[in-house]
Amino acid sequence: MNANLMAIVVCGLMLLAMGCHGPATPQSTTQESSISPTGGDEMVEINPLAGPTLMRKVAGGYELKNRHIRAVVADDTGNLIYWGRAGTDRNLLMKPGASVQLAGISAVPMKGYIEKRDDQTWQFIGEDDQNVGWRKIYCLEGDSLLISILVKNQRDVPLDATIEFQAPFAGVRIVRRANDAYEALTGFGAIHLQAYNEFPATAPAVALPVVLVSDPHTLQPQQRISFTTEWKLEN
């Protein structure tokens, strides 16, 4: 395994190592424990010219930035509200930014807070009004923004949980859509989104603005799952 591949594997596994209440390993389903952010044997290259990730508090959120990519996470919802080239003011996301919800359940407000996970990672920890716990983890590594979503069923009854990522992109030409992949062309490069699910996508792609969908799960009370995605903006 080369150094670049090892870096992204370690980063992804570190993200998935935390549960909704602290450093204990998540009590996730069997499927989730076997997921690798590299999608098995797929080779993922990290751009060494991107430089280190810089982190700071900015107006309305928390920023991750290197020489190529800038991302901002909203401080109140944990949504990704800015994603684009560093050194420009071109946000590829339209308002309200990229968000997650459970399929078949109306989106409800989330309450929580953001904290530093490590030197290249912000994480949002919160819950919504339907007794669902959320953790949104953002790690910028080279050209890759790794976003991991952890969901916990805090209800007293089982919960059918399929995580949907919504992202209203501005001014793009879509070249490929599936529930586990999204590719589009912009004036600032090519967008590549990948979901690392256990099972291949077979159902037709969910209607926009949904861009990525997790495997379906039924969560028992206090059970949780994770959903890892990779966002790349290439020349």
C-alpha atoms as a PDB file:
ATOM      1  CA  MET A   1       0.000   0.000   0.000  1.00  0.00           C
ATOM      2  CA  ASN A   2       1.539   3.333  -1.007  1.00  0.00           C
ATOM      3  CA  ALA A   3       1.831   6.325   1.334  1.00  0.00           C
ATOM      4  CA  ASN A   4      -1.021   8.260  -0.289  1.00  0.00           C
ATOM      5  CA  LEU A   5      -3.469   5.397  -0.022  1.00  0.00           C
ATOM      6  CA  MET A   6      -2.405   4.736   3.558  1.00  0.00           C
ATOM      7  CA  ALA A   7      -3.047   8.385   4.464  1.00  0.00           C
ATOM      8  CA  ILE A   8      -6.649   8.389   3.289  1.00  0.00           C
ATOM      9  CA  VAL A   9      -7.381   4.999   4.854  1.00  0.00           C
ATOM     10  CA  VAL A  10      -6.059   6.173   8.224  1.00  0.00           C
ATOM     11  CA  CYS A  11      -7.987   9.451   7.985  1.00  0.00           C
ATOM     12  CA  GLY A  12     -11.249   7.714   7.137  1.00  0.00           C
ATOM     13  CA  LEU A  13     -10.875   5.113   9.856  1.00  0.00           C
ATOM     14  CA  MET A  14     -10.159   7.817  12.425  1.00  0.00           C
ATOM     15  CA  LEU A  15     -13.390   9.552  11.450  1.00  0.00           C
ATOM     16  CA  LEU A  16     -15.430   6.401  11.863  1.00  0.00           C
ATOM     17  CA  ALA A  17     -13.809   5.524  15.168  1.00  0.00           C
ATOM     18  CA  MET A  18     -16.003   7.879  17.252  1.00  0.00           C
ATOM     19  CA  GLY A  19     -19.577   7.283  18.278  1.00  0.00           C
ATOM     20  CA  CYS A  20     -22.286   9.820  19.106  1.00  0.00           C
ATOM     21  CA  HIS A  21     -21.287  10.099  22.772  1.00  0.00           C
ATOM     22  CA  GLY A  22     -17.491  10.059  22.815  1.00  0.00           C
ATOM     23  CA  PRO A  23     -14.456   8.074  21.854  1.00  0.00           C
ATOM     24  CA  ALA A  24     -15.995   4.617  22.216  1.00  0.00           C
ATOM     25  CA  THR A  25     -16.208   2.582  19.001  1.00  0.00           C
ATOM     26  CA  PRO A  26     -19.665   3.043  17.385  1.00  0.00           C
ATOM     27  CA  GLN A  27     -22.084   0.166  17.844  1.00  0.00           C
ATOM     28  CA  SER A  28     -22.787   0.082  14.139  1.00  0.00           C
ATOM     29  CA  THR A  29     -24.099  -2.684  11.953  1.00  0.00           C
ATOM     30  CA  THR A  30     -21.850  -5.358  10.489  1.00  0.00           C
ATOM     31  CA  GLN A  31     -21.953  -3.625   7.129  1.00  0.00           C
ATOM     32  CA  GLU A  32     -20.568  -0.349   8.462  1.00  0.00           C
ATOM     33  CA  SER A  33     -17.608  -1.913  10.268  1.00  0.00           C
ATOM     34  CA  SER A  34     -16.233  -3.254   6.989  1.00  0.00           C
ATOM     35  CA  ILE A  35     -16.459  -0.048   4.971  1.00  0.00           C
ATOM     36  CA  SER A  36     -13.211   1.479   3.787  1.00  0.00           C
ATOM     37  CA  PRO A  37     -13.089   5.097   2.572  1.00  0.00           C
ATOM     38  CA  THR A  38     -11.113   3.839  -0.406  1.00  0.00           C
ATOM     39  CA  GLY A  39     -13.915   1.585  -1.596  1.00  0.00           C
ATOM     40  CA  GLY A  40     -11.954  -1.646  -1.252  1.00  0.00           C
ATOM     41  CA  ASP A  41      -9.086  -1.961  -3.717  1.00  0.00           C
ATOM     42  CA  GLU A  42      -9.772   1.329  -5.491  1.00  0.00           C
ATOM     43  CA  MET A  43      -6.690   3.548  -5.569  1.00  0.00           C
ATOM     44  CA  VAL A  44      -7.220   7.072  -4.245  1.00  0.00           C
ATOM     45  CA  GLU A  45      -4.527   9.671  -4.821  1.00  0.00           C
ATOM     46  CA  ILE A  46      -3.945  12.546  -2.440  1.00  0.00           C
ATOM     47  CA  ASN A  47      -2.551  15.680  -4.075  1.00  0.00           C
ATOM     48  CA  PRO A  48       0.710  16.403  -2.207  1.00  0.00           C
ATOM     49  CA  LEU A  49       0.792  19.955  -3.601  1.00  0.00           C
ATOM     50  CA  ALA A  50      -2.364  20.923  -1.698  1.00  0.00           C
ATOM     51  CA  GLY A  51      -0.311  21.582   1.416  1.00  0.00           C
ATOM     52  CA  PRO A  52      -1.467  21.368   5.039  1.00  0.00           C
ATOM     53  CA  THR A  53      -5.049  21.936   6.094  1.00  0.00           C
ATOM     54  CA  LEU A  54      -5.667  25.270   7.832  1.00  0.00           C
ATOM     55  CA  MET A  55      -8.550  25.618  10.292  1.00  0.00           C
ATOM     56  CA  ARG A  56     -10.236  28.715  11.665  1.00  0.00           C
ATOM     57  CA  LYS A  57     -13.537  30.206  12.810  1.00  0.00           C
ATOM     58  CA  VAL A  58     -15.120  32.440  10.166  1.00  0.00           C
ATOM     59  CA  ALA A  59     -18.403  34.338   9.913  1.00  0.00           C
ATOM     60  CA  GLY A  60     -21.228  31.816  10.203  1.00  0.00           C
ATOM     61  CA  GLY A  61     -19.085  28.719  10.454  1.00  0.00           C
ATOM     62  CA  TYR A  62     -15.788  26.873  10.626  1.00  0.00           C
ATOM     63  CA  GLU A  63     -13.332  26.750   7.725  1.00  0.00           C
ATOM     64  CA  LEU A  64     -11.074  24.051   6.314  1.00  0.00           C
ATOM     65  CA  LYS A  65      -8.636  25.298   3.692  1.00  0.00           C
ATOM     66  CA  ASN A  66      -5.470  24.329   1.847  1.00  0.00           C
ATOM     67  CA  ARG A  67      -3.826  25.566  -1.356  1.00  0.00           C
ATOM     68  CA  HIS A  68      -6.572  24.113  -3.577  1.00  0.00           C
ATOM     69  CA  ILE A  69      -9.819  23.662  -1.627  1.00  0.00           C
ATOM     70  CA  ARG A  70     -11.878  25.756   0.790  1.00  0.00           C
ATOM     71  CA  ALA A  71     -14.814  24.375   2.759  1.00  0.00           C
ATOM     72  CA  VAL A  72     -16.980  25.994   5.444  1.00  0.00           C
ATOM     73  CA  VAL A  73     -19.248  24.157   7.883  1.00  0.00           C
ATOM     74  CA  ALA A  74     -22.214  26.058   9.361  1.00  0.00           C
ATOM     75  CA  ASP A  75     -21.864  26.541  13.099  1.00  0.00           C
ATOM     76  CA  ASP A  76     -25.565  26.041  13.856  1.00  0.00           C
ATOM     77  CA  THR A  77     -26.568  23.067  11.642  1.00  0.00           C
ATOM     78  CA  GLY A  78     -23.287  21.417  10.688  1.00  0.00           C
ATOM     79  CA  ASN A  79     -24.222  21.738   7.000  1.00  0.00           C
ATOM     80  CA  LEU A  80     -21.520  22.282   4.382  1.00  0.00           C
ATOM     81  CA  ILE A  81     -22.302  25.841   3.291  1.00  0.00           C
ATOM     82  CA  TYR A  82     -19.220  26.544   1.144  1.00  0.00           C
ATOM     83  CA  TRP A  83     -17.157  24.252  -1.083  1.00  0.00           C
ATOM     84  CA  GLY A  84     -14.953  25.494  -3.890  1.00  0.00           C
ATOM     85  CA  ARG A  85     -11.512  26.477  -5.077  1.00  0.00           C
ATOM     86  CA  ALA A  86      -9.247  28.228  -2.605  1.00  0.00           C
ATOM     87  CA  GLY A  87      -8.362  31.756  -3.636  1.00  0.00           C
ATOM     88  CA  THR A  88     -11.732  32.412  -5.303  1.00  0.00           C
ATOM     89  CA  ASP A  89     -15.140  33.512  -4.070  1.00  0.00           C
ATOM     90  CA  ARG A  90     -17.008  30.969  -6.224  1.00  0.00           C
ATOM     91  CA  ASN A  91     -19.142  28.746  -4.014  1.00  0.00           C
ATOM     92  CA  LEU A  92     -20.231  25.657  -5.952  1.00  0.00           C
ATOM     93  CA  LEU A  93     -23.116  25.142  -3.519  1.00  0.00           C
ATOM     94  CA  MET A  94     -26.325  27.137  -3.618  1.00  0.00           C
ATOM     95  CA  LYS A  95     -28.169  27.961  -0.393  1.00  0.00           C
ATOM     96  CA  PRO A  96     -28.774  26.319   2.039  1.00  0.00           C
ATOM     97  CA  GLY A  97     -25.702  24.233   1.194  1.00  0.00           C
ATOM     98  CA  ALA A  98     -25.164  20.479   1.455  1.00  0.00           C
ATOM     99  CA  SER A  99     -27.269  18.765   4.102  1.00  0.00           C
ATOM    100  CA  VAL A 100     -28.322  15.272   5.176  1.00  0.00           C
ATOM    101  CA  GLN A 101     -31.654  13.762   6.098  1.00  0.00           C
ATOM    102  CA  LEU A 102     -33.257  10.354   6.498  1.00  0.00           C
ATOM    103  CA  ALA A 103     -35.290   9.148   3.507  1.00  0.00           C
ATOM    104  CA  GLY A 104     -39.031   9.263   4.080  1.00  0.00           C
ATOM    105  CA  ILE A 105     -38.750  11.571   7.082  1.00  0.00           C
ATOM    106  CA  SER A 106     -39.327  15.281   6.717  1.00  0.00           C
ATOM    107  CA  ALA A 107     -36.214  17.311   7.380  1.00  0.00           C
ATOM    108  CA  VAL A 108     -36.297  18.863  10.859  1.00  0.00           C
ATOM    109  CA  PRO A 109     -33.993  21.394  12.501  1.00  0.00           C
ATOM    110  CA  MET A 110     -30.886  20.096  14.236  1.00  0.00           C
ATOM    111  CA  LYS A 111     -29.392  21.508  17.391  1.00  0.00           C
ATOM    112  CA  GLY A 112     -25.779  21.004  18.272  1.00  0.00           C
ATOM    113  CA  TYR A 113     -22.257  22.381  18.278  1.00  0.00           C
ATOM    114  CA  ILE A 114     -18.977  22.124  16.362  1.00  0.00           C
ATOM    115  CA  GLU A 115     -15.651  21.075  17.808  1.00  0.00           C
ATOM    116  CA  LYS A 116     -12.162  20.339  16.509  1.00  0.00           C
ATOM    117  CA  ARG A 117     -11.573  16.612  15.946  1.00  0.00           C
ATOM    118  CA  ASP A 118      -7.913  16.848  14.881  1.00  0.00           C
ATOM    119  CA  ASP A 119      -5.657  19.169  12.893  1.00  0.00           C
ATOM    120  CA  GLN A 120      -7.658  18.759   9.679  1.00  0.00           C
ATOM    121  CA  THR A 121     -11.129  17.852  10.921  1.00  0.00           C
ATOM    122  CA  TRP A 122     -14.205  19.676  12.236  1.00  0.00           C
ATOM    123  CA  GLN A 123     -17.158  17.725  13.587  1.00  0.00           C
ATOM    124  CA  PHE A 124     -20.752  18.691  14.362  1.00  0.00           C
ATOM    125  CA  ILE A 125     -22.459  16.858  17.236  1.00  0.00           C
ATOM    126  CA  GLY A 126     -26.189  17.298  17.688  1.00  0.00           C
ATOM    127  CA  GLU A 127     -29.686  15.888  17.478  1.00  0.00           C
ATOM    128  CA  ASP A 128     -32.978  16.721  15.790  1.00  0.00           C
ATOM    129  CA  ASP A 129     -36.535  17.050  17.052  1.00  0.00           C
ATOM    130  CA  GLN A 130     -37.349  13.450  16.089  1.00  0.00           C
ATOM    131  CA  ASN A 131     -34.972  11.830  18.588  1.00  0.00           C
ATOM    132  CA  VAL A 132     -32.246  11.130  16.063  1.00  0.00           C
ATOM    133  CA  GLY A 133     -28.636  11.826  17.006  1.00  0.00           C
ATOM    134  CA  TRP A 134     -26.278  13.188  14.359  1.00  0.00           C
ATOM    135  CA  ARG A 135     -22.539  13.520  13.988  1.00  0.00           C
ATOM    136  CA  LYS A 136     -21.147  15.179  10.834  1.00  0.00           C
ATOM    137  CA  ILE A 137     -17.380  14.858  10.400  1.00  0.00           C
ATOM    138  CA  TYR A 138     -15.434  16.881   7.812  1.00  0.00           C
ATOM    139  CA  CYS A 139     -11.787  16.059   7.057  1.00  0.00           C
ATOM    140  CA  LEU A 140      -9.840  17.908   4.335  1.00  0.00           C
ATOM    141  CA  GLU A 141      -6.955  15.812   2.990  1.00  0.00           C
ATOM    142  CA  GLY A 142      -5.381  17.157  -0.209  1.00  0.00           C
ATOM    143  CA  ASP A 143      -8.085  17.487  -2.865  1.00  0.00           C
ATOM    144  CA  SER A 144     -10.409  15.168  -0.943  1.00  0.00           C
ATOM    145  CA  LEU A 145     -13.027  16.378   1.505  1.00  0.00           C
ATOM    146  CA  LEU A 146     -14.027  13.268   3.443  1.00  0.00           C
ATOM    147  CA  ILE A 147     -17.478  13.644   4.990  1.00  0.00           C
ATOM    148  CA  SER A 148     -18.695  10.981   7.393  1.00  0.00           C
ATOM    149  CA  ILE A 149     -22.215  10.978   8.810  1.00  0.00           C
ATOM    150  CA  LEU A 150     -23.091   9.033  11.966  1.00  0.00           C
ATOM    151  CA  VAL A 151     -26.757   8.518  12.866  1.00  0.00           C
ATOM    152  CA  LYS A 152     -28.045   7.162  16.175  1.00  0.00           C
ATOM    153  CA  ASN A 153     -31.577   5.981  16.896  1.00  0.00           C
ATOM    154  CA  GLN A 154     -32.475   7.598  20.220  1.00  0.00           C
ATOM    155  CA  ARG A 155     -36.088   6.436  20.044  1.00  0.00           C
ATOM    156  CA  ASP A 156     -37.680   3.572  21.956  1.00  0.00           C
ATOM    157  CA  VAL A 157     -38.705   1.792  18.746  1.00  0.00           C
ATOM    158  CA  PRO A 158     -36.786   0.669  15.610  1.00  0.00           C
ATOM    159  CA  LEU A 159     -36.005   3.274  12.953  1.00  0.00           C
ATOM    160  CA  ASP A 160     -35.688   2.708   9.205  1.00  0.00           C
ATOM    161  CA  ALA A 161     -32.636   4.772   8.288  1.00  0.00           C
ATOM    162  CA  THR A 162     -31.394   5.525   4.788  1.00  0.00           C
ATOM    163  CA  ILE A 163     -29.198   8.635   4.762  1.00  0.00           C
ATOM    164  CA  GLU A 164     -29.615  11.053   1.858  1.00  0.00           C
ATOM    165  CA  PHE A 165     -27.084  13.780   1.024  1.00  0.00           C
ATOM    166  CA  GLN A 166     -28.642  16.838  -0.619  1.00  0.00           C
ATOM    167  CA  ALA A 167     -26.384  19.266  -2.500  1.00  0.00           C
ATOM    168  CA  PRO A 168     -27.814  21.966  -4.794  1.00  0.00           C
ATOM    169  CA  PHE A 169     -24.883  22.732  -7.102  1.00  0.00           C
ATOM    170  CA  ALA A 170     -24.802  25.945  -9.121  1.00  0.00           C
ATOM    171  CA  GLY A 171     -24.064  26.058 -12.862  1.00  0.00           C
ATOM    172  CA  VAL A 172     -22.997  22.459 -13.450  1.00  0.00           C
ATOM    173  CA  ARG A 173     -23.392  19.967 -16.290  1.00  0.00           C
ATOM    174  CA  ILE A 174     -24.102  16.535 -14.873  1.00  0.00           C
ATOM    175  CA  VAL A 175     -22.273  13.704 -16.621  1.00  0.00           C
ATOM    176  CA  ARG A 176     -23.112  10.817 -14.281  1.00  0.00           C
ATOM    177  CA  ARG A 177     -25.647  10.125 -11.551  1.00  0.00           C
ATOM    178  CA  ALA A 178     -26.171   7.099  -9.342  1.00  0.00           C
ATOM    179  CA  ASN A 179     -27.150   6.721  -5.708  1.00  0.00           C
ATOM    180  CA  ASP A 180     -23.512   6.113  -4.781  1.00  0.00           C
ATOM    181  CA  ALA A 181     -21.808   8.502  -7.232  1.00  0.00           C
ATOM    182  CA  TYR A 182     -22.247  11.958  -8.763  1.00  0.00           C
ATOM    183  CA  GLU A 183     -20.073  13.610 -11.421  1.00  0.00           C
ATOM    184  CA  ALA A 184     -20.499  17.036 -13.013  1.00  0.00           C
ATOM    185  CA  LEU A 185     -18.484  19.653 -14.896  1.00  0.00           C
ATOM    186  CA  THR A 186     -18.089  23.264 -13.803  1.00  0.00           C
ATOM    187  CA  GLY A 187     -16.013  26.231 -14.892  1.00  0.00           C
ATOM    188  CA  PHE A 188     -13.709  25.501 -11.941  1.00  0.00           C
ATOM    189  CA  GLY A 189     -13.153  21.811 -12.584  1.00  0.00           C
ATOM    190  CA  ALA A 190     -14.877  18.453 -12.398  1.00  0.00           C
ATOM    191  CA  ILE A 191     -16.933  17.458  -9.356  1.00  0.00           C
ATOM    192  CA  HIS A 192     -16.607  13.835  -8.215  1.00  0.00           C
ATOM    193  CA  LEU A 193     -18.701  12.630  -5.283  1.00  0.00           C
ATOM    194  CA  GLN A 194     -18.457   9.043  -4.062  1.00  0.00           C
ATOM    195  CA  ALA A 195     -20.383   7.161  -1.382  1.00  0.00           C
ATOM    196  CA  TYR A 196     -18.614   4.177   0.165  1.00  0.00           C
ATOM    197  CA  ASN A 197     -21.449   1.705   0.641  1.00  0.00           C
ATOM    198  CA  GLU A 198     -21.221  -2.036   1.082  1.00  0.00           C
ATOM    199  CA  PHE A 199     -23.755  -2.816  -1.617  1.00  0.00           C
ATOM    200  CA  PRO A 200     -23.656  -1.515  -5.213  1.00  0.00           C
ATOM    201  CA  ALA A 201     -26.354   0.938  -6.235  1.00  0.00           C
ATOM    202  CA  THR A 202     -29.096  -0.818  -8.237  1.00  0.00           C
ATOM    203  CA  ALA A 203     -32.151   1.408  -7.740  1.00  0.00           C
ATOM    204  CA  PRO A 204     -32.685   4.460  -9.991  1.00  0.00           C
ATOM    205  CA  ALA A 205     -31.028   7.631  -8.707  1.00  0.00           C
ATOM    206  CA  VAL A 206     -33.149   9.592  -6.244  1.00  0.00           C
ATOM    207  CA  ALA A 207     -34.406  12.917  -7.577  1.00  0.00           C
ATOM    208  CA  LEU A 208     -32.200  15.978  -7.194  1.00  0.00           C
ATOM    209  CA  PRO A 209     -31.067  17.726  -5.055  1.00  0.00           C
ATOM    210  CA  VAL A 210     -30.202  14.329  -3.500  1.00  0.00           C
ATOM    211  CA  VAL A 211     -26.734  13.410  -4.796  1.00  0.00           C
ATOM    212  CA  LEU A 212     -25.663  10.450  -2.612  1.00  0.00           C
ATOM    213  CA  VAL A 213     -27.606   7.765  -0.745  1.00  0.00           C
ATOM    214  CA  SER A 214     -26.443   5.284   1.898  1.00  0.00           C
ATOM    215  CA  ASP A 215     -27.329   1.623   2.194  1.00  0.00           C
ATOM    216  CA  PRO A 216     -30.706   1.099   3.920  1.00  0.00           C
ATOM    217  CA  HIS A 217     -30.710   0.022   7.567  1.00  0.00           C
ATOM    218  CA  THR A 218     -33.146  -0.671  10.361  1.00  0.00           C
ATOM    219  CA  LEU A 219     -31.724   0.707  13.594  1.00  0.00           C
ATOM    220  CA  GLN A 220     -32.781  -0.734  16.913  1.00  0.00           C
ATOM    221  CA  PRO A 221     -33.040   1.669  19.879  1.00  0.00           C
ATOM    222  CA  GLN A 222     -29.604   3.154  20.696  1.00  0.00           C
ATOM    223  CA  GLN A 223     -28.050   1.585  17.591  1.00  0.00           C
ATOM    224  CA  ARG A 224     -26.064   3.735  15.145  1.00  0.00           C
ATOM    225  CA  ILE A 225     -24.642   3.582  11.638  1.00  0.00           C
ATOM    226  CA  SER A 226     -22.048   5.513   9.655  1.00  0.00           C
ATOM    227  CA  PHE A 227     -21.979   6.741   6.068  1.00  0.00           C
ATOM    228  CA  THR A 228     -18.689   7.879   4.496  1.00  0.00           C
ATOM    229  CA  THR A 229     -18.426   9.987   1.354  1.00  0.00           C
ATOM    230  CA  GLU A 230     -15.590  11.612  -0.584  1.00  0.00           C
ATOM    231  CA  TRP A 231     -15.893  14.973  -2.363  1.00  0.00           C
ATOM    232  CA  LYS A 232     -13.281  15.950  -4.959  1.00  0.00           C
ATOM    233  CA  LEU A 233     -12.901  18.984  -7.204  1.00  0.00           C
ATOM    234  CA  GLU A 234     -10.396  18.258  -9.954  1.00  0.00           C
ATOM    235  CA  ASN A 235      -8.903  20.345 -12.761  1.00  0.00           C
END
